[in-house]
Amino acid sequence: MLAEHDRVVLRSNIPEHHLVAGDIGAVVFVHQHGAGYEVEFMALDGETVAIVTLLLAQIRPIARREIAHARLIAQAA
């Protein structure tokens, strides 16, 4: 089970929030002992891009020796 403050990787795109698979977020709340997770995704400048409720199947812990990759996010309409 993931815990609050754990860093996680998104497994699939969430277009309505401008998120793509591989984006890194942080768990900010654990629902009902792991039934779901509130995950905050932030830009590198510290701006919150989205806070999304996700299932464990939609995220995974960061693995050893992974490297981050920067990308520009779409502007909100």
C-alpha atoms as a PDB file:
ATOM      1  CA  MET A   1       0.000   0.000   0.000  1.00  0.00           C
ATOM      2  CA  LEU A   2       1.156   3.524  -0.752  1.00  0.00           C
ATOM      3  CA  ALA A   3       1.375   6.153   1.972  1.00  0.00           C
ATOM      4  CA  GLU A   4       0.920   9.917   2.060  1.00  0.00           C
ATOM      5  CA  HIS A   5       3.930  11.758   0.600  1.00  0.00           C
ATOM      6  CA  ASP A   6       4.991   8.773  -1.531  1.00  0.00           C
ATOM      7  CA  ARG A   7       6.025   9.766  -5.051  1.00  0.00           C
ATOM      8  CA  VAL A   8       4.210   7.854  -7.776  1.00  0.00           C
ATOM      9  CA  VAL A   9       4.181   7.508 -11.553  1.00  0.00           C
ATOM     10  CA  LEU A  10       0.981   7.746 -13.595  1.00  0.00           C
ATOM     11  CA  ARG A  11       0.354   4.584 -15.661  1.00  0.00           C
ATOM     12  CA  SER A  12      -2.030   6.060 -18.269  1.00  0.00           C
ATOM     13  CA  ASN A  13      -3.054   9.388 -19.763  1.00  0.00           C
ATOM     14  CA  ILE A  14      -5.721  11.540 -18.113  1.00  0.00           C
ATOM     15  CA  PRO A  15      -6.426  14.079 -20.885  1.00  0.00           C
ATOM     16  CA  GLU A  16      -9.034  16.075 -18.941  1.00  0.00           C
ATOM     17  CA  HIS A  17      -6.263  17.058 -16.504  1.00  0.00           C
ATOM     18  CA  HIS A  18      -3.488  17.383 -19.141  1.00  0.00           C
ATOM     19  CA  LEU A  19      -1.636  14.428 -17.570  1.00  0.00           C
ATOM     20  CA  VAL A  20       0.216  11.741 -19.506  1.00  0.00           C
ATOM     21  CA  ALA A  21       1.576   8.336 -18.553  1.00  0.00           C
ATOM     22  CA  GLY A  22       4.915   8.777 -16.843  1.00  0.00           C
ATOM     23  CA  ASP A  23       4.016  12.010 -15.046  1.00  0.00           C
ATOM     24  CA  ILE A  24       5.200  12.061 -11.442  1.00  0.00           C
ATOM     25  CA  GLY A  25       2.925  12.993  -8.553  1.00  0.00           C
ATOM     26  CA  ALA A  26       2.781  12.789  -4.784  1.00  0.00           C
ATOM     27  CA  VAL A  27       0.149  11.015  -2.717  1.00  0.00           C
ATOM     28  CA  VAL A  28      -1.564  13.645  -0.558  1.00  0.00           C
ATOM     29  CA  PHE A  29      -4.352  11.479   0.895  1.00  0.00           C
ATOM     30  CA  VAL A  30      -5.072   7.754   1.175  1.00  0.00           C
ATOM     31  CA  HIS A  31      -8.757   6.758   0.999  1.00  0.00           C
ATOM     32  CA  GLN A  32     -10.052   3.813   3.067  1.00  0.00           C
ATOM     33  CA  HIS A  33      -6.764   1.968   3.618  1.00  0.00           C
ATOM     34  CA  GLY A  34      -5.756   2.128  -0.054  1.00  0.00           C
ATOM     35  CA  ALA A  35      -9.119   1.982  -1.837  1.00  0.00           C
ATOM     36  CA  GLY A  36      -8.068   5.155  -3.650  1.00  0.00           C
ATOM     37  CA  TYR A  37      -5.472   7.910  -3.565  1.00  0.00           C
ATOM     38  CA  GLU A  38      -5.515  11.682  -3.958  1.00  0.00           C
ATOM     39  CA  VAL A  39      -2.424  12.483  -6.019  1.00  0.00           C
ATOM     40  CA  GLU A  40      -1.053  15.971  -6.632  1.00  0.00           C
ATOM     41  CA  PHE A  41       0.803  16.614  -9.875  1.00  0.00           C
ATOM     42  CA  MET A  42       2.989  19.713  -9.951  1.00  0.00           C
ATOM     43  CA  ALA A  43       4.982  21.587 -12.569  1.00  0.00           C
ATOM     44  CA  LEU A  44       8.689  21.957 -11.873  1.00  0.00           C
ATOM     45  CA  ASP A  45       8.105  25.584 -10.803  1.00  0.00           C
ATOM     46  CA  GLY A  46       5.848  24.375  -7.963  1.00  0.00           C
ATOM     47  CA  GLU A  47       2.480  25.172  -9.567  1.00  0.00           C
ATOM     48  CA  THR A  48      -0.152  22.509  -8.939  1.00  0.00           C
ATOM     49  CA  VAL A  49      -1.326  21.110 -12.270  1.00  0.00           C
ATOM     50  CA  ALA A  50      -3.982  18.751 -10.892  1.00  0.00           C
ATOM     51  CA  ILE A  51      -5.107  16.885  -7.810  1.00  0.00           C
ATOM     52  CA  VAL A  52      -6.771  13.693  -8.942  1.00  0.00           C
ATOM     53  CA  THR A  53      -8.409  10.737  -7.187  1.00  0.00           C
ATOM     54  CA  LEU A  54      -6.870   7.560  -8.582  1.00  0.00           C
ATOM     55  CA  LEU A  55      -6.959   3.811  -8.040  1.00  0.00           C
ATOM     56  CA  LEU A  56      -3.793   1.844  -7.337  1.00  0.00           C
ATOM     57  CA  ALA A  57      -4.023   0.341 -10.854  1.00  0.00           C
ATOM     58  CA  GLN A  58      -3.576   3.868 -12.298  1.00  0.00           C
ATOM     59  CA  ILE A  59      -0.318   4.636 -10.469  1.00  0.00           C
ATOM     60  CA  ARG A  60       2.839   2.893  -9.360  1.00  0.00           C
ATOM     61  CA  PRO A  61       5.678   3.703  -6.996  1.00  0.00           C
ATOM     62  CA  ILE A  62       8.811   5.223  -8.464  1.00  0.00           C
ATOM     63  CA  ALA A  63      11.315   2.464  -9.190  1.00  0.00           C
ATOM     64  CA  ARG A  64      14.981   2.501  -8.320  1.00  0.00           C
ATOM     65  CA  ARG A  65      17.201   4.222 -10.910  1.00  0.00           C
ATOM     66  CA  GLU A  66      14.406   5.920 -12.863  1.00  0.00           C
ATOM     67  CA  ILE A  67      15.069   9.350 -14.311  1.00  0.00           C
ATOM     68  CA  ALA A  68      12.574  12.199 -14.698  1.00  0.00           C
ATOM     69  CA  HIS A  69      11.837  13.860 -18.047  1.00  0.00           C
ATOM     70  CA  ALA A  70      10.535  17.432 -18.422  1.00  0.00           C
ATOM     71  CA  ARG A  71       7.683  18.440 -20.785  1.00  0.00           C
ATOM     72  CA  LEU A  72       5.462  21.468 -21.249  1.00  0.00           C
ATOM     73  CA  ILE A  73       1.841  21.027 -20.191  1.00  0.00           C
ATOM     74  CA  ALA A  74      -1.153  22.188 -22.193  1.00  0.00           C
ATOM     75  CA  GLN A  75      -2.713  25.452 -21.065  1.00  0.00           C
ATOM     76  CA  ALA A  76      -6.135  25.170 -19.420  1.00  0.00           C
ATOM     77  CA  ALA A  77      -8.948  26.418 -21.646  1.00  0.00           C
END
